[in-house]
Amino acid sequence: MLAHADDIASQAFFAALARRLSKQAFETWFRPLRITRFQSDGVLRIAVPNPAVRDWIIAKYSTV
């Protein structure tokens, strides 16, 4: 079963990011992301609006 982005796991993910990043970086690069989670495996999947956003996040924020 697919859980929606407003579930507790994705809220915790976004809250943790918001604490570690500037407000501008969070709003620009992370707010547009969509999080899904399959309850069967507990893995969060992150959907980005386009490849440029994906590449930028990986290059600049992979350690976060």
C-alpha atoms as a PDB file:
ATOM      1  CA  MET A   1       0.000   0.000   0.000  1.00  0.00           C
ATOM      2  CA  LEU A   2       1.265   3.463  -0.912  1.00  0.00           C
ATOM      3  CA  ALA A   3       1.364   6.144   1.773  1.00  0.00           C
ATOM      4  CA  HIS A   4       0.927   9.771   0.799  1.00  0.00           C
ATOM      5  CA  ALA A   5       3.355  12.642   1.349  1.00  0.00           C
ATOM      6  CA  ASP A   6       1.484  13.825   4.424  1.00  0.00           C
ATOM      7  CA  ASP A   7       2.279  10.691   6.419  1.00  0.00           C
ATOM      8  CA  ILE A   8       4.451  10.875   9.536  1.00  0.00           C
ATOM      9  CA  ALA A   9       7.620   9.563   7.875  1.00  0.00           C
ATOM     10  CA  SER A  10       7.629  12.199   5.150  1.00  0.00           C
ATOM     11  CA  GLN A  11       6.749  14.941   7.646  1.00  0.00           C
ATOM     12  CA  ALA A  12       9.748  13.891   9.727  1.00  0.00           C
ATOM     13  CA  PHE A  13      11.949  13.893   6.607  1.00  0.00           C
ATOM     14  CA  PHE A  14      10.939  17.451   5.682  1.00  0.00           C
ATOM     15  CA  ALA A  15      11.220  18.675   9.284  1.00  0.00           C
ATOM     16  CA  ALA A  16      14.758  17.297   9.569  1.00  0.00           C
ATOM     17  CA  LEU A  17      15.769  18.985   6.330  1.00  0.00           C
ATOM     18  CA  ALA A  18      14.193  22.296   7.340  1.00  0.00           C
ATOM     19  CA  ARG A  19      16.235  22.299  10.564  1.00  0.00           C
ATOM     20  CA  ARG A  20      19.523  21.764   8.714  1.00  0.00           C
ATOM     21  CA  LEU A  21      19.072  24.115   5.761  1.00  0.00           C
ATOM     22  CA  SER A  22      18.480  27.814   5.303  1.00  0.00           C
ATOM     23  CA  LYS A  23      14.849  28.700   4.716  1.00  0.00           C
ATOM     24  CA  GLN A  24      15.648  29.817   1.168  1.00  0.00           C
ATOM     25  CA  ALA A  25      17.465  26.570   0.279  1.00  0.00           C
ATOM     26  CA  PHE A  26      14.687  24.471   1.767  1.00  0.00           C
ATOM     27  CA  GLU A  27      11.908  26.348  -0.043  1.00  0.00           C
ATOM     28  CA  THR A  28      13.769  26.447  -3.359  1.00  0.00           C
ATOM     29  CA  TRP A  29      15.113  22.914  -3.595  1.00  0.00           C
ATOM     30  CA  PHE A  30      13.166  20.698  -1.204  1.00  0.00           C
ATOM     31  CA  ARG A  31       9.625  22.068  -0.958  1.00  0.00           C
ATOM     32  CA  PRO A  32       8.808  20.934  -4.553  1.00  0.00           C
ATOM     33  CA  LEU A  33       9.784  17.328  -3.784  1.00  0.00           C
ATOM     34  CA  ARG A  34       7.114  14.671  -3.408  1.00  0.00           C
ATOM     35  CA  ILE A  35       7.658  11.829  -0.993  1.00  0.00           C
ATOM     36  CA  THR A  36       5.987   8.449  -1.249  1.00  0.00           C
ATOM     37  CA  ARG A  37       6.468   5.431   0.944  1.00  0.00           C
ATOM     38  CA  PHE A  38       5.490   1.864   0.376  1.00  0.00           C
ATOM     39  CA  GLN A  39       4.428   0.492   3.735  1.00  0.00           C
ATOM     40  CA  SER A  40       5.629  -2.974   2.777  1.00  0.00           C
ATOM     41  CA  ASP A  41       9.303  -1.970   2.684  1.00  0.00           C
ATOM     42  CA  GLY A  42       9.329   1.298   4.667  1.00  0.00           C
ATOM     43  CA  VAL A  43      11.493   3.048   2.069  1.00  0.00           C
ATOM     44  CA  LEU A  44      10.833   6.691   1.232  1.00  0.00           C
ATOM     45  CA  ARG A  45      10.939   7.485  -2.465  1.00  0.00           C
ATOM     46  CA  ILE A  46      11.646  11.049  -3.457  1.00  0.00           C
ATOM     47  CA  ALA A  47      10.226  12.432  -6.709  1.00  0.00           C
ATOM     48  CA  VAL A  48      11.781  15.571  -8.146  1.00  0.00           C
ATOM     49  CA  PRO A  49      10.172  17.955 -10.649  1.00  0.00           C
ATOM     50  CA  ASN A  50      12.983  17.527 -13.205  1.00  0.00           C
ATOM     51  CA  PRO A  51      16.501  16.121 -13.657  1.00  0.00           C
ATOM     52  CA  ALA A  52      18.152  19.506 -13.032  1.00  0.00           C
ATOM     53  CA  VAL A  53      16.678  19.656  -9.520  1.00  0.00           C
ATOM     54  CA  ARG A  54      17.733  16.063  -8.857  1.00  0.00           C
ATOM     55  CA  ASP A  55      21.289  16.731 -10.010  1.00  0.00           C
ATOM     56  CA  TRP A  56      21.568  19.957  -7.973  1.00  0.00           C
ATOM     57  CA  ILE A  57      20.304  18.314  -4.788  1.00  0.00           C
ATOM     58  CA  ILE A  58      22.668  15.383  -5.199  1.00  0.00           C
ATOM     59  CA  ALA A  59      25.644  17.649  -5.931  1.00  0.00           C
ATOM     60  CA  LYS A  60      25.019  20.198  -3.194  1.00  0.00           C
ATOM     61  CA  TYR A  61      22.999  18.474  -0.471  1.00  0.00           C
ATOM     62  CA  SER A  62      23.756  14.751  -0.555  1.00  0.00           C
ATOM     63  CA  THR A  63      25.461  14.942   2.854  1.00  0.00           C
ATOM     64  CA  VAL A  64      22.431  16.585   4.428  1.00  0.00           C
END
